[in-house]
């Protein structure tokens, strides 16, 4: 077991030595990155409906839900 006092300094080098790896997730390819933005404006009532539907689907973000619907219907 390691002594927790070494973590007080928040020294990344020590954390790397203990963990034995670089950590973090692998880098995505450029073709997989979602880097382009599109803005859509909704009314308060429309956003409320979207929030209800996203909660019914397990609480996924509205943006993910919209993207999935566009993909499913062949728009992207």
PDB file of N, CA and C in Angstrom:
ATOM      1  N   UNK A   1       0.821  -1.189   0.000  1.00  0.00           N
ATOM      2  CA  UNK A   1       0.000   0.000   0.000  1.00  0.00           C
ATOM      3  C   UNK A   1       0.863   1.250   0.000  1.00  0.00           C
ATOM      4  N   UNK A   2       0.369   2.309  -0.591  1.00  0.00           N
ATOM      5  CA  UNK A   2       1.147   3.535  -0.655  1.00  0.00           C
ATOM      6  C   UNK A   2       0.697   4.498   0.430  1.00  0.00           C
ATOM      7  N   UNK A   3       1.596   5.369   0.829  1.00  0.00           N
ATOM      8  CA  UNK A   3       1.309   6.388   1.828  1.00  0.00           C
ATOM      9  C   UNK A   3       0.536   7.516   1.156  1.00  0.00           C
ATOM     10  N   UNK A   4      -0.634   7.876   1.694  1.00  0.00           N
ATOM     11  CA  UNK A   4      -1.473   8.894   1.080  1.00  0.00           C
ATOM     12  C   UNK A   4      -0.889  10.297   1.188  1.00  0.00           C
ATOM     13  N   UNK A   5       0.102  10.487   2.023  1.00  0.00           N
ATOM     14  CA  UNK A   5       0.692  11.822   2.158  1.00  0.00           C
ATOM     15  C   UNK A   5       1.372  12.272   0.867  1.00  0.00           C
ATOM     16  N   UNK A   6       1.771  11.337   0.005  1.00  0.00           N
ATOM     17  CA  UNK A   6       2.405  11.729  -1.254  1.00  0.00           C
ATOM     18  C   UNK A   6       1.400  12.366  -2.201  1.00  0.00           C
ATOM     19  N   UNK A   7       0.104  12.107  -2.004  1.00  0.00           N
ATOM     20  CA  UNK A   7      -0.916  12.697  -2.859  1.00  0.00           C
ATOM     21  C   UNK A   7      -1.219  14.141  -2.487  1.00  0.00           C
ATOM     22  N   UNK A   8      -0.841  14.581  -1.287  1.00  0.00           N
ATOM     23  CA  UNK A   8      -1.134  15.944  -0.850  1.00  0.00           C
ATOM     24  C   UNK A   8      -0.477  16.976  -1.752  1.00  0.00           C
ATOM     25  N   UNK A   9       0.654  16.667  -2.303  1.00  0.00           N
ATOM     26  CA  UNK A   9       1.375  17.601  -3.158  1.00  0.00           C
ATOM     27  C   UNK A   9       0.787  17.665  -4.567  1.00  0.00           C
ATOM     28  N   UNK A  10      -0.080  16.697  -4.903  1.00  0.00           N
ATOM     29  CA  UNK A  10      -0.687  16.636  -6.225  1.00  0.00           C
ATOM     30  C   UNK A  10       0.383  16.611  -7.323  1.00  0.00           C
ATOM     31  N   UNK A  11       1.418  15.880  -7.091  1.00  0.00           N
ATOM     32  CA  UNK A  11       2.531  15.769  -8.026  1.00  0.00           C
ATOM     33  C   UNK A  11       2.193  14.720  -9.075  1.00  0.00           C
ATOM     34  N   UNK A  12       2.009  15.168 -10.306  1.00  0.00           N
ATOM     35  CA  UNK A  12       1.622  14.256 -11.377  1.00  0.00           C
ATOM     36  C   UNK A  12       2.688  13.191 -11.656  1.00  0.00           C
ATOM     37  N   UNK A  13       3.937  13.538 -11.460  1.00  0.00           N
ATOM     38  CA  UNK A  13       4.994  12.552 -11.703  1.00  0.00           C
ATOM     39  C   UNK A  13       4.865  11.376 -10.745  1.00  0.00           C
ATOM     40  N   UNK A  14       4.539  11.675  -9.492  1.00  0.00           N
ATOM     41  CA  UNK A  14       4.360  10.606  -8.506  1.00  0.00           C
ATOM     42  C   UNK A  14       3.152   9.760  -8.885  1.00  0.00           C
ATOM     43  N   UNK A  15       2.065  10.405  -9.300  1.00  0.00           N
ATOM     44  CA  UNK A  15       0.875   9.665  -9.697  1.00  0.00           C
ATOM     45  C   UNK A  15       1.163   8.762 -10.891  1.00  0.00           C
ATOM     46  N   UNK A  16       1.964   9.240 -11.854  1.00  0.00           N
ATOM     47  CA  UNK A  16       2.315   8.413 -13.008  1.00  0.00           C
ATOM     48  C   UNK A  16       3.144   7.212 -12.592  1.00  0.00           C
ATOM     49  N   UNK A  17       4.071   7.427 -11.658  1.00  0.00           N
ATOM     50  CA  UNK A  17       4.925   6.332 -11.208  1.00  0.00           C
ATOM     51  C   UNK A  17       4.099   5.260 -10.512  1.00  0.00           C
ATOM     52  N   UNK A  18       3.124   5.681  -9.729  1.00  0.00           N
ATOM     53  CA  UNK A  18       2.305   4.722  -8.999  1.00  0.00           C
ATOM     54  C   UNK A  18       1.368   3.980  -9.945  1.00  0.00           C
ATOM     55  N   UNK A  19       0.734   4.713 -10.865  1.00  0.00           N
ATOM     56  CA  UNK A  19      -0.256   4.085 -11.738  1.00  0.00           C
ATOM     57  C   UNK A  19       0.398   3.230 -12.817  1.00  0.00           C
ATOM     58  N   UNK A  20       1.564   3.615 -13.277  1.00  0.00           N
ATOM     59  CA  UNK A  20       2.263   2.835 -14.285  1.00  0.00           C
ATOM     60  C   UNK A  20       1.807   3.103 -15.705  1.00  0.00           C
ATOM     61  N   UNK A  21       0.886   4.051 -15.895  1.00  0.00           N
ATOM     62  CA  UNK A  21       0.469   4.384 -17.258  1.00  0.00           C
ATOM     63  C   UNK A  21       0.220   5.879 -17.365  1.00  0.00           C
ATOM     64  N   UNK A  22       0.016   6.343 -18.579  1.00  0.00           N
ATOM     65  CA  UNK A  22      -0.186   7.769 -18.821  1.00  0.00           C
ATOM     66  C   UNK A  22      -1.579   8.210 -18.394  1.00  0.00           C
ATOM     67  N   UNK A  23      -2.557   7.322 -18.471  1.00  0.00           N
ATOM     68  CA  UNK A  23      -3.919   7.659 -18.084  1.00  0.00           C
ATOM     69  C   UNK A  23      -4.644   8.438 -19.156  1.00  0.00           C
ATOM     70  N   UNK A  24      -5.917   8.667 -18.931  1.00  0.00           N
ATOM     71  CA  UNK A  24      -6.727   9.413 -19.888  1.00  0.00           C
ATOM     72  C   UNK A  24      -7.231   8.528 -21.003  1.00  0.00           C
ATOM     73  N   UNK A  25      -8.154   9.084 -21.771  1.00  0.00           N
ATOM     74  CA  UNK A  25      -8.713   8.310 -22.872  1.00  0.00           C
ATOM     75  C   UNK A  25      -7.855   8.476 -24.117  1.00  0.00           C
ATOM     76  N   UNK A  26      -7.950   7.538 -25.049  1.00  0.00           N
ATOM     77  CA  UNK A  26      -7.182   7.659 -26.286  1.00  0.00           C
ATOM     78  C   UNK A  26      -7.683   8.835 -27.124  1.00  0.00           C
ATOM     79  N   UNK A  27      -6.808   9.397 -27.932  1.00  0.00           N
ATOM     80  CA  UNK A  27      -7.135  10.539 -28.784  1.00  0.00           C
ATOM     81  C   UNK A  27      -8.015  10.055 -29.934  1.00  0.00           C
ATOM     82  N   UNK A  28      -9.086  10.835 -30.222  1.00  0.00           N
ATOM     83  CA  UNK A  28      -9.975  10.493 -31.339  1.00  0.00           C
ATOM     84  C   UNK A  28      -9.336  10.900 -32.655  1.00  0.00           C
ATOM     85  N   UNK A  29      -9.694  10.181 -33.726  1.00  0.00           N
ATOM     86  CA  UNK A  29      -9.270  10.565 -35.069  1.00  0.00           C
ATOM     87  C   UNK A  29     -10.030  11.827 -35.465  1.00  0.00           C
ATOM     88  N   UNK A  30      -9.460  12.619 -36.365  1.00  0.00           N
ATOM     89  CA  UNK A  30     -10.118  13.845 -36.820  1.00  0.00           C
ATOM     90  C   UNK A  30     -11.493  13.561 -37.419  1.00  0.00           C
ATOM     91  N   UNK A  31     -11.634  12.424 -38.090  1.00  0.00           N
ATOM     92  CA  UNK A  31     -12.909  12.090 -38.727  1.00  0.00           C
ATOM     93  C   UNK A  31     -13.986  11.741 -37.704  1.00  0.00           C
ATOM     94  N   UNK A  32     -13.596  11.434 -36.463  1.00  0.00           N
ATOM     95  CA  UNK A  32     -14.560  11.074 -35.415  1.00  0.00           C
ATOM     96  C   UNK A  32     -14.932  12.247 -34.517  1.00  0.00           C
ATOM     97  N   UNK A  33     -14.200  13.349 -34.618  1.00  0.00           N
ATOM     98  CA  UNK A  33     -14.445  14.495 -33.736  1.00  0.00           C
ATOM     99  C   UNK A  33     -15.668  15.283 -34.190  1.00  0.00           C
ATOM    100  N   UNK A  34     -16.466  15.719 -33.217  1.00  0.00           N
ATOM    101  CA  UNK A  34     -17.611  16.588 -33.505  1.00  0.00           C
ATOM    102  C   UNK A  34     -17.166  18.023 -33.254  1.00  0.00           C
ATOM    103  N   UNK A  35     -16.652  18.667 -34.276  1.00  0.00           N
ATOM    104  CA  UNK A  35     -16.061  19.988 -34.100  1.00  0.00           C
ATOM    105  C   UNK A  35     -16.879  21.116 -34.734  1.00  0.00           C
ATOM    106  N   UNK A  36     -17.927  20.783 -35.464  1.00  0.00           N
ATOM    107  CA  UNK A  36     -18.735  21.803 -36.137  1.00  0.00           C
ATOM    108  C   UNK A  36     -20.015  22.051 -35.341  1.00  0.00           C
ATOM    109  N   UNK A  37     -20.377  23.330 -35.164  1.00  0.00           N
ATOM    110  CA  UNK A  37     -21.527  23.719 -34.355  1.00  0.00           C
ATOM    111  C   UNK A  37     -22.677  24.188 -35.241  1.00  0.00           C
ATOM    112  N   UNK A  38     -23.890  23.858 -34.818  1.00  0.00           N
ATOM    113  CA  UNK A  38     -25.117  24.334 -35.447  1.00  0.00           C
ATOM    114  C   UNK A  38     -26.017  24.828 -34.323  1.00  0.00           C
ATOM    115  N   UNK A  39     -26.563  26.038 -34.469  1.00  0.00           N
ATOM    116  CA  UNK A  39     -27.420  26.614 -33.438  1.00  0.00           C
ATOM    117  C   UNK A  39     -28.880  26.504 -33.863  1.00  0.00           C
ATOM    118  N   UNK A  40     -29.725  26.026 -32.944  1.00  0.00           N
ATOM    119  CA  UNK A  40     -31.161  25.914 -33.175  1.00  0.00           C
ATOM    120  C   UNK A  40     -31.860  26.601 -32.014  1.00  0.00           C
ATOM    121  N   UNK A  41     -32.860  27.416 -32.318  1.00  0.00           N
ATOM    122  CA  UNK A  41     -33.616  28.089 -31.269  1.00  0.00           C
ATOM    123  C   UNK A  41     -34.985  27.433 -31.115  1.00  0.00           C
ATOM    124  N   UNK A  42     -35.369  27.179 -29.858  1.00  0.00           N
ATOM    125  CA  UNK A  42     -36.657  26.582 -29.534  1.00  0.00           C
ATOM    126  C   UNK A  42     -37.438  27.504 -28.612  1.00  0.00           C
ATOM    127  N   UNK A  43     -38.768  27.318 -28.600  1.00  0.00           N
ATOM    128  CA  UNK A  43     -39.584  28.027 -27.624  1.00  0.00           C
ATOM    129  C   UNK A  43     -39.441  27.311 -26.281  1.00  0.00           C
ATOM    130  N   UNK A  44     -39.927  27.937 -25.235  1.00  0.00           N
ATOM    131  CA  UNK A  44     -39.867  27.319 -23.900  1.00  0.00           C
ATOM    132  C   UNK A  44     -40.659  26.012 -23.885  1.00  0.00           C
ATOM    133  N   UNK A  45     -41.825  26.006 -24.528  1.00  0.00           N
ATOM    134  CA  UNK A  45     -42.659  24.803 -24.579  1.00  0.00           C
ATOM    135  C   UNK A  45     -41.968  23.675 -25.349  1.00  0.00           C
ATOM    136  N   UNK A  46     -41.339  24.024 -26.472  1.00  0.00           N
ATOM    137  CA  UNK A  46     -40.630  23.010 -27.262  1.00  0.00           C
ATOM    138  C   UNK A  46     -39.476  22.409 -26.469  1.00  0.00           C
ATOM    139  N   UNK A  47     -38.723  23.258 -25.772  1.00  0.00           N
ATOM    140  CA  UNK A  47     -37.611  22.750 -24.975  1.00  0.00           C
ATOM    141  C   UNK A  47     -38.123  21.860 -23.848  1.00  0.00           C
ATOM    142  N   UNK A  48     -39.260  22.220 -23.266  1.00  0.00           N
ATOM    143  CA  UNK A  48     -39.856  21.379 -22.229  1.00  0.00           C
ATOM    144  C   UNK A  48     -40.191  19.995 -22.746  1.00  0.00           C
ATOM    145  N   UNK A  49     -40.748  19.925 -23.960  1.00  0.00           N
ATOM    146  CA  UNK A  49     -41.062  18.629 -24.575  1.00  0.00           C
ATOM    147  C   UNK A  49     -39.789  17.822 -24.827  1.00  0.00           C
ATOM    148  N   UNK A  50     -38.752  18.505 -25.292  1.00  0.00           N
ATOM    149  CA  UNK A  50     -37.483  17.814 -25.541  1.00  0.00           C
ATOM    150  C   UNK A  50     -36.885  17.281 -24.245  1.00  0.00           C
ATOM    151  N   UNK A  51     -36.969  18.068 -23.171  1.00  0.00           N
ATOM    152  CA  UNK A  51     -36.459  17.622 -21.875  1.00  0.00           C
ATOM    153  C   UNK A  51     -37.211  16.391 -21.371  1.00  0.00           C
ATOM    154  N   UNK A  52     -38.539  16.397 -21.528  1.00  0.00           N
ATOM    155  CA  UNK A  52     -39.351  15.240 -21.120  1.00  0.00           C
ATOM    156  C   UNK A  52     -38.922  13.994 -21.878  1.00  0.00           C
ATOM    157  N   UNK A  53     -38.769  14.160 -23.194  1.00  0.00           N
ATOM    158  CA  UNK A  53     -38.402  13.013 -24.030  1.00  0.00           C
ATOM    159  C   UNK A  53     -36.994  12.512 -23.692  1.00  0.00           C
ATOM    160  N   UNK A  54     -36.070  13.433 -23.427  1.00  0.00           N
ATOM    161  CA  UNK A  54     -34.700  13.012 -23.108  1.00  0.00           C
ATOM    162  C   UNK A  54     -34.659  12.279 -21.767  1.00  0.00           C
ATOM    163  N   UNK A  55     -35.475  12.722 -20.796  1.00  0.00           N
ATOM    164  CA  UNK A  55     -35.547  12.018 -19.506  1.00  0.00           C
ATOM    165  C   UNK A  55     -36.135  10.627 -19.683  1.00  0.00           C
ATOM    166  N   UNK A  56     -37.143  10.496 -20.560  1.00  0.00           N
ATOM    167  CA  UNK A  56     -37.755   9.196 -20.834  1.00  0.00           C
ATOM    168  C   UNK A  56     -36.767   8.238 -21.497  1.00  0.00           C
ATOM    169  N   UNK A  57     -35.804   8.790 -22.196  1.00  0.00           N
ATOM    170  CA  UNK A  57     -34.787   7.959 -22.861  1.00  0.00           C
ATOM    171  C   UNK A  57     -33.580   7.691 -21.971  1.00  0.00           C
ATOM    172  N   UNK A  58     -33.710   7.939 -20.691  1.00  0.00           N
ATOM    173  CA  UNK A  58     -32.623   7.640 -19.769  1.00  0.00           C
ATOM    174  C   UNK A  58     -31.797   8.839 -19.372  1.00  0.00           C
ATOM    175  N   UNK A  59     -32.306  10.034 -19.650  1.00  0.00           N
ATOM    176  CA  UNK A  59     -31.585  11.236 -19.241  1.00  0.00           C
ATOM    177  C   UNK A  59     -30.441  11.630 -20.148  1.00  0.00           C
ATOM    178  N   UNK A  60     -30.509  11.228 -21.412  1.00  0.00           N
ATOM    179  CA  UNK A  60     -29.438  11.622 -22.338  1.00  0.00           C
ATOM    180  C   UNK A  60     -29.547  13.116 -22.635  1.00  0.00           C
ATOM    181  N   UNK A  61     -28.450  13.768 -22.972  1.00  0.00           N
ATOM    182  CA  UNK A  61     -28.509  15.194 -23.323  1.00  0.00           C
ATOM    183  C   UNK A  61     -29.389  15.432 -24.548  1.00  0.00           C
ATOM    184  N   UNK A  62     -30.065  16.578 -24.568  1.00  0.00           N
ATOM    185  CA  UNK A  62     -30.939  16.916 -25.691  1.00  0.00           C
ATOM    186  C   UNK A  62     -30.158  16.926 -27.000  1.00  0.00           C
ATOM    187  N   UNK A  63     -28.950  17.460 -26.978  1.00  0.00           N
ATOM    188  CA  UNK A  63     -28.152  17.538 -28.203  1.00  0.00           C
ATOM    189  C   UNK A  63     -27.843  16.148 -28.758  1.00  0.00           C
ATOM    190  N   UNK A  64     -27.549  15.203 -27.868  1.00  0.00           N
ATOM    191  CA  UNK A  64     -27.272  13.828 -28.298  1.00  0.00           C
ATOM    192  C   UNK A  64     -28.533  13.205 -28.883  1.00  0.00           C
ATOM    193  N   UNK A  65     -29.671  13.462 -28.244  1.00  0.00           N
ATOM    194  CA  UNK A  65     -30.934  12.919 -28.728  1.00  0.00           C
ATOM    195  C   UNK A  65     -31.249  13.439 -30.127  1.00  0.00           C
ATOM    196  N   UNK A  66     -31.075  14.743 -30.347  1.00  0.00           N
ATOM    197  CA  UNK A  66     -31.346  15.337 -31.657  1.00  0.00           C
ATOM    198  C   UNK A  66     -30.391  14.771 -32.701  1.00  0.00           C
ATOM    199  N   UNK A  67     -29.112  14.666 -32.356  1.00  0.00           N
ATOM    200  CA  UNK A  67     -28.124  14.121 -33.302  1.00  0.00           C
ATOM    201  C   UNK A  67     -28.466  12.681 -33.674  1.00  0.00           C
ATOM    202  N   UNK A  68     -28.857  11.881 -32.674  1.00  0.00           N
ATOM    203  CA  UNK A  68     -29.220  10.489 -32.939  1.00  0.00           C
ATOM    204  C   UNK A  68     -30.440  10.394 -33.854  1.00  0.00           C
ATOM    205  N   UNK A  69     -31.430  11.277 -33.649  1.00  0.00           N
ATOM    206  CA  UNK A  69     -32.619  11.277 -34.509  1.00  0.00           C
ATOM    207  C   UNK A  69     -32.265  11.672 -35.946  1.00  0.00           C
ATOM    208  N   UNK A  70     -31.402  12.655 -36.102  1.00  0.00           N
ATOM    209  CA  UNK A  70     -30.966  13.056 -37.444  1.00  0.00           C
ATOM    210  C   UNK A  70     -30.233  11.911 -38.138  1.00  0.00           C
ATOM    211  N   UNK A  71     -29.382  11.222 -37.390  1.00  0.00           N
ATOM    212  CA  UNK A  71     -28.626  10.108 -37.957  1.00  0.00           C
ATOM    213  C   UNK A  71     -29.572   8.943 -38.318  1.00  0.00           C
ATOM    214  N   UNK A  72     -30.498   8.638 -37.400  1.00  0.00           N
ATOM    215  CA  UNK A  72     -31.430   7.530 -37.606  1.00  0.00           C
ATOM    216  C   UNK A  72     -32.310   7.752 -38.838  1.00  0.00           C
ATOM    217  N   UNK A  73     -32.689   8.999 -39.090  1.00  0.00           N
ATOM    218  CA  UNK A  73     -33.563   9.315 -40.221  1.00  0.00           C
ATOM    219  C   UNK A  73     -32.805   9.619 -41.513  1.00  0.00           C
ATOM    220  N   UNK A  74     -31.495   9.426 -41.509  1.00  0.00           N
ATOM    221  CA  UNK A  74     -30.715   9.549 -42.720  1.00  0.00           C
ATOM    222  C   UNK A  74     -30.350  10.973 -43.134  1.00  0.00           C
ATOM    223  N   UNK A  75     -30.490  11.944 -42.212  1.00  0.00           N
ATOM    224  CA  UNK A  75     -30.124  13.309 -42.552  1.00  0.00           C
ATOM    225  C   UNK A  75     -28.623  13.552 -42.441  1.00  0.00           C
ATOM    226  N   UNK A  76     -27.963  12.771 -41.628  1.00  0.00           N
ATOM    227  CA  UNK A  76     -26.491  12.889 -41.504  1.00  0.00           C
ATOM    228  C   UNK A  76     -25.884  11.503 -41.603  1.00  0.00           C
TER     229      UNK A  76
END
